N, C-alpha and C. Protein backbone atom coordinates (compact mmCIF):
# COMPACT_ATOMS: atom_id res chain seq x y z
N UNK A 1 37.71 125.05 80.34
CA UNK A 1 39.07 123.91 80.09
C UNK A 1 40.08 124.90 81.84
N UNK A 2 40.43 123.27 82.48
CA UNK A 2 40.77 123.90 84.06
C UNK A 2 42.31 123.24 83.53
N UNK A 3 43.08 123.68 83.74
CA UNK A 3 44.35 123.75 83.21
C UNK A 3 45.47 124.36 85.03
N UNK A 4 46.56 123.85 85.35
CA UNK A 4 47.03 124.37 86.50
C UNK A 4 48.45 122.67 86.37
N UNK A 5 49.08 123.51 87.22
CA UNK A 5 50.07 122.42 87.17
C UNK A 5 50.49 122.04 88.92
N UNK A 6 50.95 121.08 88.99
CA UNK A 6 51.45 119.88 89.75
C UNK A 6 52.39 119.39 90.50
N UNK A 7 52.49 119.05 91.64
CA UNK A 7 53.47 117.66 91.75
C UNK A 7 52.85 116.98 92.55
N UNK A 8 52.70 115.66 92.61
CA UNK A 8 52.47 114.25 92.93
C UNK A 8 53.25 113.43 93.43
N UNK A 9 53.30 112.58 94.43
CA UNK A 9 54.14 111.86 95.30
C UNK A 9 54.09 110.46 94.21
N UNK A 10 52.53 110.52 94.10
CA UNK A 10 51.86 109.61 93.67
C UNK A 10 51.00 109.57 93.15
N UNK A 11 49.96 108.79 92.46
CA UNK A 11 49.13 108.69 91.42
C UNK A 11 47.24 109.35 91.97
N UNK A 12 47.39 110.35 91.81
CA UNK A 12 45.67 110.85 92.42
C UNK A 12 44.65 110.00 91.48
N UNK A 13 43.93 109.16 92.10
CA UNK A 13 42.98 108.59 91.02
C UNK A 13 41.68 108.69 91.82
N UNK A 14 40.61 109.24 90.39
CA UNK A 14 39.45 109.36 91.02
C UNK A 14 38.98 110.74 91.23
N UNK A 15 40.50 111.68 90.79
CA UNK A 15 40.07 113.27 90.51
C UNK A 15 38.92 113.56 89.79
N UNK A 16 38.00 114.34 90.41
CA UNK A 16 36.89 114.71 90.27
C UNK A 16 36.61 116.19 90.13
N UNK A 17 36.40 117.01 89.27
CA UNK A 17 36.08 118.46 89.44
C UNK A 17 34.55 118.63 89.78
N UNK A 18 33.81 119.23 90.31
CA UNK A 18 32.33 120.05 90.29
C UNK A 18 32.24 121.30 89.53
N UNK A 19 31.55 121.41 88.74
CA UNK A 19 31.34 122.81 87.61
C UNK A 19 30.09 123.25 88.44
N UNK A 20 30.35 124.95 89.02
CA UNK A 20 28.75 125.70 89.00
C UNK A 20 28.54 124.99 90.94
N UNK A 21 27.90 125.70 91.32
CA UNK A 21 26.92 126.03 93.09
C UNK A 21 25.54 125.19 92.87
N UNK A 22 24.68 125.15 93.20
CA UNK A 22 25.34 124.33 94.44
C UNK A 22 25.57 122.85 93.35
N UNK A 23 26.97 122.36 94.58
CA UNK A 23 27.26 120.74 93.76
C UNK A 23 26.24 119.80 93.53
N UNK A 24 26.68 119.22 91.78
CA UNK A 24 25.56 118.22 91.87
C UNK A 24 26.59 116.94 90.87
N UNK A 25 26.22 115.35 90.91
CA UNK A 25 26.83 114.97 90.26
C UNK A 25 26.75 115.16 88.78
N UNK A 26 25.41 115.77 88.47
CA UNK A 26 25.14 115.51 87.01
C UNK A 26 25.65 116.89 85.94
N UNK A 27 26.30 117.65 86.94
CA UNK A 27 27.58 118.77 86.51
C UNK A 27 29.42 118.45 86.91
N UNK A 28 29.42 117.45 87.59
CA UNK A 28 30.66 116.57 87.45
C UNK A 28 31.28 116.21 86.66
N UNK A 29 32.66 116.18 86.28
CA UNK A 29 33.40 116.00 85.39
C UNK A 29 35.19 115.32 85.95
N UNK A 30 34.56 113.72 85.90
CA UNK A 30 36.22 113.54 86.26
C UNK A 30 36.79 112.44 85.50
N UNK A 31 37.99 112.83 85.74
CA UNK A 31 39.75 112.70 85.46
C UNK A 31 39.85 110.65 85.36
N UNK A 32 40.67 110.05 85.06
CA UNK A 32 40.95 108.54 85.18
C UNK A 32 41.50 109.09 86.40
N UNK A 33 42.98 109.96 86.70
CA UNK A 33 43.88 110.05 87.05
C UNK A 33 44.67 111.30 87.32
N UNK A 34 45.29 111.95 88.04
CA UNK A 34 46.29 112.60 87.91
C UNK A 34 47.91 111.76 88.45
N UNK A 35 48.82 111.47 87.18
CA UNK A 35 50.06 111.22 87.16
C UNK A 35 50.97 111.25 88.10
N UNK A 36 51.49 110.36 88.85
CA UNK A 36 52.75 110.63 89.75
C UNK A 36 53.70 111.46 88.76
N UNK A 37 53.92 112.77 89.34
CA UNK A 37 55.03 113.70 88.96
C UNK A 37 56.33 114.39 90.59
N UNK A 38 57.32 114.15 89.89
CA UNK A 38 58.36 114.89 90.52
C UNK A 38 58.79 116.09 90.42
N UNK A 39 58.15 116.49 89.72
CA UNK A 39 58.47 117.85 89.12
C UNK A 39 57.28 118.60 88.75
N UNK A 40 57.06 119.71 88.47
CA UNK A 40 55.70 120.75 88.41
C UNK A 40 55.74 120.35 86.89
N UNK A 41 53.72 119.54 86.82
CA UNK A 41 53.74 119.29 85.45
C UNK A 41 52.58 119.79 85.11
N UNK A 42 51.97 119.74 84.20
CA UNK A 42 50.72 120.75 83.93
C UNK A 42 49.62 120.05 83.54
N UNK A 43 48.55 120.07 84.09
CA UNK A 43 47.45 119.09 84.06
C UNK A 43 46.21 119.95 83.30
N UNK A 44 45.64 119.06 82.39
CA UNK A 44 44.49 120.12 81.87
C UNK A 44 42.50 118.93 81.83
N UNK A 45 41.75 119.43 82.10
CA UNK A 45 40.76 118.96 82.03
C UNK A 45 39.78 120.06 81.18
N UNK A 46 38.77 119.22 80.19
CA UNK A 46 37.83 120.10 79.31
C UNK A 46 36.60 119.81 80.92
N UNK A 47 35.96 120.93 80.90
CA UNK A 47 34.79 121.10 81.33
C UNK A 47 33.54 121.22 81.17
N UNK A 48 33.43 121.41 79.39
CA UNK A 48 32.06 121.92 78.92
C UNK A 48 31.31 120.53 79.10
N UNK A 49 31.90 119.13 79.11
CA UNK A 49 30.65 118.32 79.21
C UNK A 49 29.67 118.25 80.53
N UNK A 50 30.77 118.99 81.09
CA UNK A 50 30.16 118.90 82.73
C UNK A 50 28.87 119.91 82.60
N UNK A 51 29.46 121.40 81.97
CA UNK A 51 28.29 122.40 81.82
C UNK A 51 27.57 122.13 81.06
N UNK A 52 27.83 121.36 79.95
CA UNK A 52 26.48 121.29 78.96
C UNK A 52 25.06 119.68 79.70
N UNK A 53 25.96 119.68 81.13
CA UNK A 53 24.43 118.65 81.85
C UNK A 53 23.41 119.44 82.57
N UNK A 54 23.83 120.50 82.75
CA UNK A 54 22.61 121.46 83.39
C UNK A 54 22.95 123.26 83.09
N UNK A 55 21.62 123.97 83.41
CA UNK A 55 22.77 125.15 83.71
C UNK A 55 22.60 125.90 84.80
N UNK A 56 23.78 126.86 84.57
CA UNK A 56 24.34 126.61 85.86
C UNK A 56 25.07 127.79 85.69
N UNK A 57 25.11 129.51 86.14
CA UNK A 57 26.42 130.36 86.51
C UNK A 57 27.69 129.60 87.03
N UNK A 58 28.95 129.25 86.14
CA UNK A 58 29.92 129.08 86.74
C UNK A 58 30.93 130.17 87.87
N UNK A 59 30.35 129.91 88.86
CA UNK A 59 30.86 130.65 89.50
C UNK A 59 32.02 130.28 90.91
N UNK A 60 31.67 129.18 90.77
CA UNK A 60 32.86 128.10 91.83
C UNK A 60 33.16 127.14 91.51
N UNK A 61 34.15 126.55 91.40
CA UNK A 61 34.41 124.67 91.29
C UNK A 61 35.12 124.27 92.67
N UNK A 62 34.64 123.06 92.40
CA UNK A 62 35.09 121.81 93.51
C UNK A 62 35.61 120.99 93.10
N UNK A 63 37.24 120.94 93.63
CA UNK A 63 37.96 120.11 93.20
C UNK A 63 38.09 118.87 93.67
N UNK A 64 38.03 117.40 93.91
CA UNK A 64 38.07 116.28 95.18
C UNK A 64 39.33 115.58 94.15
N UNK A 65 40.14 116.04 95.10
CA UNK A 65 41.78 115.17 94.30
C UNK A 65 41.40 113.54 94.97
N UNK A 66 40.97 113.21 94.72
CA UNK A 66 40.75 111.49 95.20
C UNK A 66 40.08 110.92 96.23
N UNK A 67 40.27 109.73 96.87
CA UNK A 67 39.71 109.40 98.28
C UNK A 67 40.34 108.74 98.71
N UNK A 68 41.95 108.38 98.90
CA UNK A 68 42.66 108.03 99.30
C UNK A 68 43.68 109.03 100.56
N UNK A 69 43.49 108.33 101.87
CA UNK A 69 44.34 109.12 102.49
C UNK A 69 45.90 108.87 102.27
N UNK A 70 46.32 109.89 102.75
CA UNK A 70 48.21 110.18 102.82
C UNK A 70 49.43 110.95 101.16
N UNK A 71 48.03 110.92 100.24
CA UNK A 71 48.27 111.56 99.13
C UNK A 71 49.12 112.83 99.48
N UNK A 72 50.28 113.14 98.79
CA UNK A 72 50.93 114.76 99.02
C UNK A 72 50.75 114.67 97.65
N UNK A 73 50.23 116.51 97.68
CA UNK A 73 49.63 116.82 96.42
C UNK A 73 49.96 118.79 96.47
N UNK A 74 50.75 119.43 95.57
CA UNK A 74 51.13 120.61 95.48
C UNK A 74 50.48 120.89 94.35
N UNK A 75 50.11 122.29 94.50
CA UNK A 75 49.18 122.61 93.42
C UNK A 75 49.38 124.00 92.65
N UNK A 76 49.31 124.79 91.97
CA UNK A 76 49.43 125.55 91.21
C UNK A 76 49.11 126.22 90.54
N UNK A 77 49.42 128.00 89.82
CA UNK A 77 48.41 128.48 88.86
C UNK A 77 47.45 128.24 88.44
């Protein structure tokens, strides 16, 4: 489970996490979006489906915070 707190001035669409290296779409887990949040909010994403799609030692994660320019996002924890 990937969990963090965030603040976002607008919804972050197409949030995607790649589990394990080398990066592969087969081990990517997509979230619908990170909703708009004016205060610290908690977000959690279950990575088990991505990890089950291929053997990999989990030493790295790649977090793609959408593809829309001009988004302001803070992440902690």
